[in-house]
PDB file of all heavy atoms in Angstrom:
ATOM      1  N   LEU A   1     -18.650 -12.126   0.320  1.00  0.00           N
ATOM      2  CA  LEU A   1     -18.970 -11.514  -0.971  1.00  0.00           C
ATOM      3  C   LEU A   1     -20.014 -12.323  -1.725  1.00  0.00           C
ATOM      4  O   LEU A   1     -19.895 -13.545  -1.826  1.00  0.00           O
ATOM      5  CB  LEU A   1     -17.707 -11.422  -1.833  1.00  0.00           C
ATOM      6  CG  LEU A   1     -16.542 -10.625  -1.256  1.00  0.00           C
ATOM      7  CD1 LEU A   1     -15.289 -10.875  -2.074  1.00  0.00           C
ATOM      8  CD2 LEU A   1     -16.878  -9.160  -1.205  1.00  0.00           C
ATOM      9  N   MET A   2     -21.011 -11.662  -2.266  1.00  0.00           N
ATOM     10  CA  MET A   2     -22.001 -12.299  -3.130  1.00  0.00           C
ATOM     11  C   MET A   2     -21.394 -12.331  -4.534  1.00  0.00           C
ATOM     12  O   MET A   2     -21.337 -11.319  -5.212  1.00  0.00           O
ATOM     13  CB  MET A   2     -23.305 -11.507  -3.127  1.00  0.00           C
ATOM     14  CG  MET A   2     -24.413 -12.137  -3.927  1.00  0.00           C
ATOM     15  SD  MET A   2     -25.160 -13.555  -3.151  1.00  0.00           S
ATOM     16  CE  MET A   2     -25.968 -12.801  -1.767  1.00  0.00           C
ATOM     17  N   VAL A   3     -20.908 -13.506  -4.944  1.00  0.00           N
ATOM     18  CA  VAL A   3     -20.117 -13.587  -6.167  1.00  0.00           C
ATOM     19  C   VAL A   3     -20.899 -14.021  -7.397  1.00  0.00           C
ATOM     20  O   VAL A   3     -20.419 -13.884  -8.508  1.00  0.00           O
ATOM     21  CB  VAL A   3     -18.899 -14.522  -5.991  1.00  0.00           C
ATOM     22  CG1 VAL A   3     -17.948 -13.952  -4.959  1.00  0.00           C
ATOM     23  CG2 VAL A   3     -19.331 -15.919  -5.628  1.00  0.00           C
ATOM     24  N   ASN A   4     -22.074 -14.548  -7.239  1.00  0.00           N
ATOM     25  CA  ASN A   4     -22.847 -14.994  -8.401  1.00  0.00           C
ATOM     26  C   ASN A   4     -23.552 -13.783  -9.000  1.00  0.00           C
ATOM     27  O   ASN A   4     -24.728 -13.564  -8.808  1.00  0.00           O
ATOM     28  CB  ASN A   4     -23.843 -16.074  -8.013  1.00  0.00           C
ATOM     29  CG  ASN A   4     -24.411 -16.759  -9.226  1.00  0.00           C
ATOM     30  OD1 ASN A   4     -23.857 -16.676 -10.311  1.00  0.00           O
ATOM     31  ND2 ASN A   4     -25.526 -17.426  -9.055  1.00  0.00           N
ATOM     32  N   LEU A   5     -22.794 -13.019  -9.738  1.00  0.00           N
ATOM     33  CA  LEU A   5     -23.253 -11.736 -10.251  1.00  0.00           C
ATOM     34  C   LEU A   5     -23.240 -11.771 -11.769  1.00  0.00           C
ATOM     35  O   LEU A   5     -22.280 -12.229 -12.374  1.00  0.00           O
ATOM     36  CB  LEU A   5     -22.307 -10.636  -9.740  1.00  0.00           C
ATOM     37  CG  LEU A   5     -22.511  -9.231 -10.230  1.00  0.00           C
ATOM     38  CD1 LEU A   5     -23.791  -8.659  -9.639  1.00  0.00           C
ATOM     39  CD2 LEU A   5     -21.338  -8.372  -9.813  1.00  0.00           C
ATOM     40  N   HIS A   6     -24.314 -11.333 -12.379  1.00  0.00           N
ATOM     41  CA  HIS A   6     -24.397 -11.235 -13.837  1.00  0.00           C
ATOM     42  C   HIS A   6     -24.122  -9.789 -14.210  1.00  0.00           C
ATOM     43  O   HIS A   6     -24.898  -8.898 -13.877  1.00  0.00           O
ATOM     44  CB  HIS A   6     -25.777 -11.667 -14.330  1.00  0.00           C
ATOM     45  CG  HIS A   6     -26.102 -13.066 -13.969  1.00  0.00           C
ATOM     46  ND1 HIS A   6     -25.600 -14.142 -14.655  1.00  0.00           N
ATOM     47  CD2 HIS A   6     -26.848 -13.575 -12.974  1.00  0.00           C
ATOM     48  CE1 HIS A   6     -26.048 -15.248 -14.109  1.00  0.00           C
ATOM     49  NE2 HIS A   6     -26.800 -14.932 -13.076  1.00  0.00           N
ATOM     50  N   THR A   7     -23.028  -9.542 -14.884  1.00  0.00           N
ATOM     51  CA  THR A   7     -22.615  -8.170 -15.212  1.00  0.00           C
ATOM     52  C   THR A   7     -23.319  -7.718 -16.491  1.00  0.00           C
ATOM     53  O   THR A   7     -22.729  -7.723 -17.562  1.00  0.00           O
ATOM     54  CB  THR A   7     -21.090  -8.087 -15.353  1.00  0.00           C
ATOM     55  OG1 THR A   7     -20.680  -9.024 -16.346  1.00  0.00           O
ATOM     56  CG2 THR A   7     -20.388  -8.401 -14.061  1.00  0.00           C
ATOM     57  N   LYS A   8     -24.576  -7.329 -16.340  1.00  0.00           N
ATOM     58  CA  LYS A   8     -25.402  -6.952 -17.493  1.00  0.00           C
ATOM     59  C   LYS A   8     -25.298  -5.478 -17.860  1.00  0.00           C
ATOM     60  O   LYS A   8     -25.735  -5.087 -18.931  1.00  0.00           O
ATOM     61  CB  LYS A   8     -26.861  -7.298 -17.211  1.00  0.00           C
ATOM     62  CG  LYS A   8     -27.098  -8.785 -17.091  1.00  0.00           C
ATOM     63  CD  LYS A   8     -28.549  -9.075 -16.858  1.00  0.00           C
ATOM     64  CE  LYS A   8     -28.745 -10.582 -16.791  1.00  0.00           C
ATOM     65  NZ  LYS A   8     -30.133 -10.947 -16.699  1.00  0.00           N
ATOM     66  N   ASN A   9     -24.778  -4.665 -16.962  1.00  0.00           N
ATOM     67  CA  ASN A   9     -24.638  -3.241 -17.261  1.00  0.00           C
ATOM     68  C   ASN A   9     -23.381  -2.690 -16.593  1.00  0.00           C
ATOM     69  O   ASN A   9     -22.664  -3.424 -15.901  1.00  0.00           O
ATOM     70  CB  ASN A   9     -25.892  -2.461 -16.828  1.00  0.00           C
ATOM     71  CG  ASN A   9     -26.178  -2.620 -15.340  1.00  0.00           C
ATOM     72  OD1 ASN A   9     -25.274  -2.626 -14.521  1.00  0.00           O
ATOM     73  ND2 ASN A   9     -27.447  -2.750 -15.004  1.00  0.00           N
ATOM     74  N   LYS A  10     -23.110  -1.427 -16.803  1.00  0.00           N
ATOM     75  CA  LYS A  10     -21.872  -0.826 -16.300  1.00  0.00           C
ATOM     76  C   LYS A  10     -21.802  -0.859 -14.773  1.00  0.00           C
ATOM     77  O   LYS A  10     -20.747  -1.156 -14.204  1.00  0.00           O
ATOM     78  CB  LYS A  10     -21.742   0.608 -16.808  1.00  0.00           C
ATOM     79  CG  LYS A  10     -20.425   1.224 -16.442  1.00  0.00           C
ATOM     80  CD  LYS A  10     -20.243   2.582 -17.059  1.00  0.00           C
ATOM     81  CE  LYS A  10     -18.885   3.123 -16.619  1.00  0.00           C
ATOM     82  NZ  LYS A  10     -18.504   4.302 -17.338  1.00  0.00           N
ATOM     83  N   LYS A  11     -22.913  -0.578 -14.119  1.00  0.00           N
ATOM     84  CA  LYS A  11     -22.931  -0.571 -12.651  1.00  0.00           C
ATOM     85  C   LYS A  11     -22.570  -1.951 -12.104  1.00  0.00           C
ATOM     86  O   LYS A  11     -21.761  -2.076 -11.186  1.00  0.00           O
ATOM     87  CB  LYS A  11     -24.319  -0.157 -12.156  1.00  0.00           C
ATOM     88  CG  LYS A  11     -24.480  -0.209 -10.655  1.00  0.00           C
ATOM     89  CD  LYS A  11     -25.910   0.089 -10.261  1.00  0.00           C
ATOM     90  CE  LYS A  11     -26.131  -0.182  -8.790  1.00  0.00           C
ATOM     91  NZ  LYS A  11     -27.531  -0.039  -8.414  1.00  0.00           N
ATOM     92  N   LEU A  12     -23.161  -3.007 -12.681  1.00  0.00           N
ATOM     93  CA  LEU A  12     -22.879  -4.353 -12.211  1.00  0.00           C
ATOM     94  C   LEU A  12     -21.471  -4.805 -12.586  1.00  0.00           C
ATOM     95  O   LEU A  12     -20.837  -5.556 -11.845  1.00  0.00           O
ATOM     96  CB  LEU A  12     -23.929  -5.330 -12.744  1.00  0.00           C
ATOM     97  CG  LEU A  12     -25.336  -5.122 -12.186  1.00  0.00           C
ATOM     98  CD1 LEU A  12     -26.327  -6.045 -12.876  1.00  0.00           C
ATOM     99  CD2 LEU A  12     -25.363  -5.325 -10.686  1.00  0.00           C
ATOM    100  N   THR A  13     -20.973  -4.317 -13.717  1.00  0.00           N
ATOM    101  CA  THR A  13     -19.590  -4.634 -14.095  1.00  0.00           C
ATOM    102  C   THR A  13     -18.627  -4.026 -13.084  1.00  0.00           C
ATOM    103  O   THR A  13     -17.676  -4.684 -12.648  1.00  0.00           O
ATOM    104  CB  THR A  13     -19.286  -4.119 -15.514  1.00  0.00           C
ATOM    105  OG1 THR A  13     -20.188  -4.756 -16.430  1.00  0.00           O
ATOM    106  CG2 THR A  13     -17.863  -4.415 -15.917  1.00  0.00           C
ATOM    107  N   GLU A  14     -18.881  -2.786 -12.681  1.00  0.00           N
ATOM    108  CA  GLU A  14     -18.040  -2.140 -11.662  1.00  0.00           C
ATOM    109  C   GLU A  14     -18.114  -2.892 -10.339  1.00  0.00           C
ATOM    110  O   GLU A  14     -17.110  -3.048  -9.644  1.00  0.00           O
ATOM    111  CB  GLU A  14     -18.450  -0.680 -11.475  1.00  0.00           C
ATOM    112  CG  GLU A  14     -18.081   0.201 -12.640  1.00  0.00           C
ATOM    113  CD  GLU A  14     -16.583   0.235 -12.901  1.00  0.00           C
ATOM    114  OE1 GLU A  14     -15.796   0.349 -11.937  1.00  0.00           O
ATOM    115  OE2 GLU A  14     -16.185   0.131 -14.072  1.00  0.00           O
ATOM    116  N   ARG A  15     -19.299  -3.368  -9.988  1.00  0.00           N
ATOM    117  CA  ARG A  15     -19.448  -4.148  -8.759  1.00  0.00           C
ATOM    118  C   ARG A  15     -18.653  -5.454  -8.873  1.00  0.00           C
ATOM    119  O   ARG A  15     -18.000  -5.873  -7.934  1.00  0.00           O
ATOM    120  CB  ARG A  15     -20.921  -4.451  -8.482  1.00  0.00           C
ATOM    121  CG  ARG A  15     -21.119  -5.143  -7.142  1.00  0.00           C
ATOM    122  CD  ARG A  15     -22.578  -5.341  -6.818  1.00  0.00           C
ATOM    123  NE  ARG A  15     -23.227  -4.045  -6.676  1.00  0.00           N
ATOM    124  CZ  ARG A  15     -24.521  -3.853  -6.797  1.00  0.00           C
ATOM    125  NH1 ARG A  15     -25.332  -4.861  -7.067  1.00  0.00           N
ATOM    126  NH2 ARG A  15     -25.053  -2.663  -6.648  1.00  0.00           N
ATOM    127  N   GLY A  16     -18.706  -6.081 -10.043  1.00  0.00           N
ATOM    128  CA  GLY A  16     -17.953  -7.313 -10.271  1.00  0.00           C
ATOM    129  C   GLY A  16     -16.454  -7.086 -10.149  1.00  0.00           C
ATOM    130  O   GLY A  16     -15.741  -7.907  -9.570  1.00  0.00           O
ATOM    131  N   VAL A  17     -15.976  -5.980 -10.684  1.00  0.00           N
ATOM    132  CA  VAL A  17     -14.551  -5.650 -10.578  1.00  0.00           C
ATOM    133  C   VAL A  17     -14.179  -5.464  -9.106  1.00  0.00           C
ATOM    134  O   VAL A  17     -13.139  -5.952  -8.643  1.00  0.00           O
ATOM    135  CB  VAL A  17     -14.209  -4.391 -11.406  1.00  0.00           C
ATOM    136  CG1 VAL A  17     -12.807  -3.899 -11.102  1.00  0.00           C
ATOM    137  CG2 VAL A  17     -14.360  -4.682 -12.892  1.00  0.00           C
ATOM    138  N   GLY A  18     -15.040  -4.791  -8.360  1.00  0.00           N
ATOM    139  CA  GLY A  18     -14.792  -4.595  -6.923  1.00  0.00           C
ATOM    140  C   GLY A  18     -14.749  -5.918  -6.158  1.00  0.00           C
ATOM    141  O   GLY A  18     -13.910  -6.113  -5.275  1.00  0.00           O
ATOM    142  N   ILE A  19     -15.639  -6.827  -6.512  1.00  0.00           N
ATOM    143  CA  ILE A  19     -15.650  -8.147  -5.878  1.00  0.00           C
ATOM    144  C   ILE A  19     -14.339  -8.870  -6.179  1.00  0.00           C
ATOM    145  O   ILE A  19     -13.726  -9.473  -5.295  1.00  0.00           O
ATOM    146  CB  ILE A  19     -16.867  -8.969  -6.345  1.00  0.00           C
ATOM    147  CG1 ILE A  19     -18.151  -8.391  -5.746  1.00  0.00           C
ATOM    148  CG2 ILE A  19     -16.718 -10.440  -5.972  1.00  0.00           C
ATOM    149  CD1 ILE A  19     -19.423  -8.965  -6.342  1.00  0.00           C
ATOM    150  N   LEU A  20     -13.907  -8.817  -7.437  1.00  0.00           N
ATOM    151  CA  LEU A  20     -12.646  -9.462  -7.813  1.00  0.00           C
ATOM    152  C   LEU A  20     -11.464  -8.850  -7.067  1.00  0.00           C
ATOM    153  O   LEU A  20     -10.558  -9.576  -6.639  1.00  0.00           O
ATOM    154  CB  LEU A  20     -12.412  -9.347  -9.315  1.00  0.00           C
ATOM    155  CG  LEU A  20     -13.183 -10.320 -10.182  1.00  0.00           C
ATOM    156  CD1 LEU A  20     -12.958 -10.016 -11.646  1.00  0.00           C
ATOM    157  CD2 LEU A  20     -12.786 -11.740  -9.873  1.00  0.00           C
ATOM    158  N   GLU A  21     -11.469  -7.537  -6.926  1.00  0.00           N
ATOM    159  CA  GLU A  21     -10.387  -6.881  -6.183  1.00  0.00           C
ATOM    160  C   GLU A  21     -10.318  -7.421  -4.758  1.00  0.00           C
ATOM    161  O   GLU A  21      -9.248  -7.770  -4.264  1.00  0.00           O
ATOM    162  CB  GLU A  21     -10.606  -5.371  -6.122  1.00  0.00           C
ATOM    163  CG  GLU A  21     -10.294  -4.626  -7.390  1.00  0.00           C
ATOM    164  CD  GLU A  21     -10.541  -3.152  -7.213  1.00  0.00           C
ATOM    165  OE1 GLU A  21     -11.710  -2.744  -7.083  1.00  0.00           O
ATOM    166  OE2 GLU A  21      -9.543  -2.404  -7.195  1.00  0.00           O
ATOM    167  N   ASN A  22     -11.473  -7.491  -4.112  1.00  0.00           N
ATOM    168  CA  ASN A  22     -11.522  -7.957  -2.729  1.00  0.00           C
ATOM    169  C   ASN A  22     -11.187  -9.436  -2.601  1.00  0.00           C
ATOM    170  O   ASN A  22     -10.503  -9.850  -1.675  1.00  0.00           O
ATOM    171  CB  ASN A  22     -12.899  -7.697  -2.116  1.00  0.00           C
ATOM    172  CG  ASN A  22     -13.133  -6.247  -1.830  1.00  0.00           C
ATOM    173  OD1 ASN A  22     -12.201  -5.503  -1.551  1.00  0.00           O
ATOM    174  ND2 ASN A  22     -14.379  -5.819  -1.914  1.00  0.00           N
ATOM    175  N   ALA A  23     -11.686 -10.255  -3.510  1.00  0.00           N
ATOM    176  CA  ALA A  23     -11.521 -11.706  -3.397  1.00  0.00           C
ATOM    177  C   ALA A  23     -10.127 -12.179  -3.784  1.00  0.00           C
ATOM    178  O   ALA A  23      -9.631 -13.153  -3.235  1.00  0.00           O
ATOM    179  CB  ALA A  23     -12.562 -12.413  -4.255  1.00  0.00           C
ATOM    180  N   THR A  24      -9.487 -11.482  -4.727  1.00  0.00           N
ATOM    181  CA  THR A  24      -8.216 -11.973  -5.256  1.00  0.00           C
ATOM    182  C   THR A  24      -7.021 -11.112  -4.896  1.00  0.00           C
ATOM    183  O   THR A  24      -5.889 -11.542  -5.057  1.00  0.00           O
ATOM    184  CB  THR A  24      -8.264 -12.082  -6.792  1.00  0.00           C
ATOM    185  OG1 THR A  24      -8.467 -10.769  -7.338  1.00  0.00           O
ATOM    186  CG2 THR A  24      -9.366 -13.011  -7.256  1.00  0.00           C
ATOM    187  N   GLY A  25      -7.276  -9.880  -4.466  1.00  0.00           N
ATOM    188  CA  GLY A  25      -6.170  -8.973  -4.154  1.00  0.00           C
ATOM    189  C   GLY A  25      -5.570  -8.310  -5.382  1.00  0.00           C
ATOM    190  O   GLY A  25      -4.523  -7.667  -5.297  1.00  0.00           O
ATOM    191  N   LEU A  26      -6.233  -8.447  -6.529  1.00  0.00           N
ATOM    192  CA  LEU A  26      -5.750  -7.819  -7.760  1.00  0.00           C
ATOM    193  C   LEU A  26      -6.019  -6.319  -7.743  1.00  0.00           C
ATOM    194  O   LEU A  26      -6.920  -5.854  -7.050  1.00  0.00           O
ATOM    195  CB  LEU A  26      -6.456  -8.422  -8.975  1.00  0.00           C
ATOM    196  CG  LEU A  26      -6.187  -9.891  -9.271  1.00  0.00           C
ATOM    197  CD1 LEU A  26      -7.119 -10.379 -10.370  1.00  0.00           C
ATOM    198  CD2 LEU A  26      -4.741 -10.093  -9.668  1.00  0.00           C
ATOM    199  N   ASP A  27      -5.267  -5.577  -8.550  1.00  0.00           N
ATOM    200  CA  ASP A  27      -5.566  -4.162  -8.705  1.00  0.00           C
ATOM    201  C   ASP A  27      -6.782  -4.006  -9.621  1.00  0.00           C
ATOM    202  O   ASP A  27      -7.176  -4.947 -10.312  1.00  0.00           O
ATOM    203  CB  ASP A  27      -4.354  -3.399  -9.271  1.00  0.00           C
ATOM    204  CG  ASP A  27      -3.967  -3.885 -10.652  1.00  0.00           C
ATOM    205  OD1 ASP A  27      -3.159  -4.831 -10.739  1.00  0.00           O
ATOM    206  OD2 ASP A  27      -4.485  -3.337 -11.637  1.00  0.00           O
ATOM    207  N   ARG A  28      -7.380  -2.829  -9.644  1.00  0.00           N
ATOM    208  CA  ARG A  28      -8.626  -2.582 -10.369  1.00  0.00           C
ATOM    209  C   ARG A  28      -8.492  -2.865 -11.873  1.00  0.00           C
ATOM    210  O   ARG A  28      -9.365  -3.475 -12.471  1.00  0.00           O
ATOM    211  CB  ARG A  28      -9.087  -1.146 -10.127  1.00  0.00           C
ATOM    212  CG  ARG A  28     -10.458  -0.851 -10.660  1.00  0.00           C
ATOM    213  CD  ARG A  28     -11.057   0.341  -9.922  1.00  0.00           C
ATOM    214  NE  ARG A  28     -12.472   0.425 -10.130  1.00  0.00           N
ATOM    215  CZ  ARG A  28     -13.389  -0.334  -9.519  1.00  0.00           C
ATOM    216  NH1 ARG A  28     -13.021  -1.248  -8.668  1.00  0.00           N
ATOM    217  NH2 ARG A  28     -14.666  -0.178  -9.766  1.00  0.00           N
TER     218      ARG A  28
END
């Protein structure tokens, strides 16, 4: 996972949430 992500807009925020889901096993 490319984790150094700057969540500057909604699309990138959604991508960040997806990365967190995959990396930590948390729900959305």
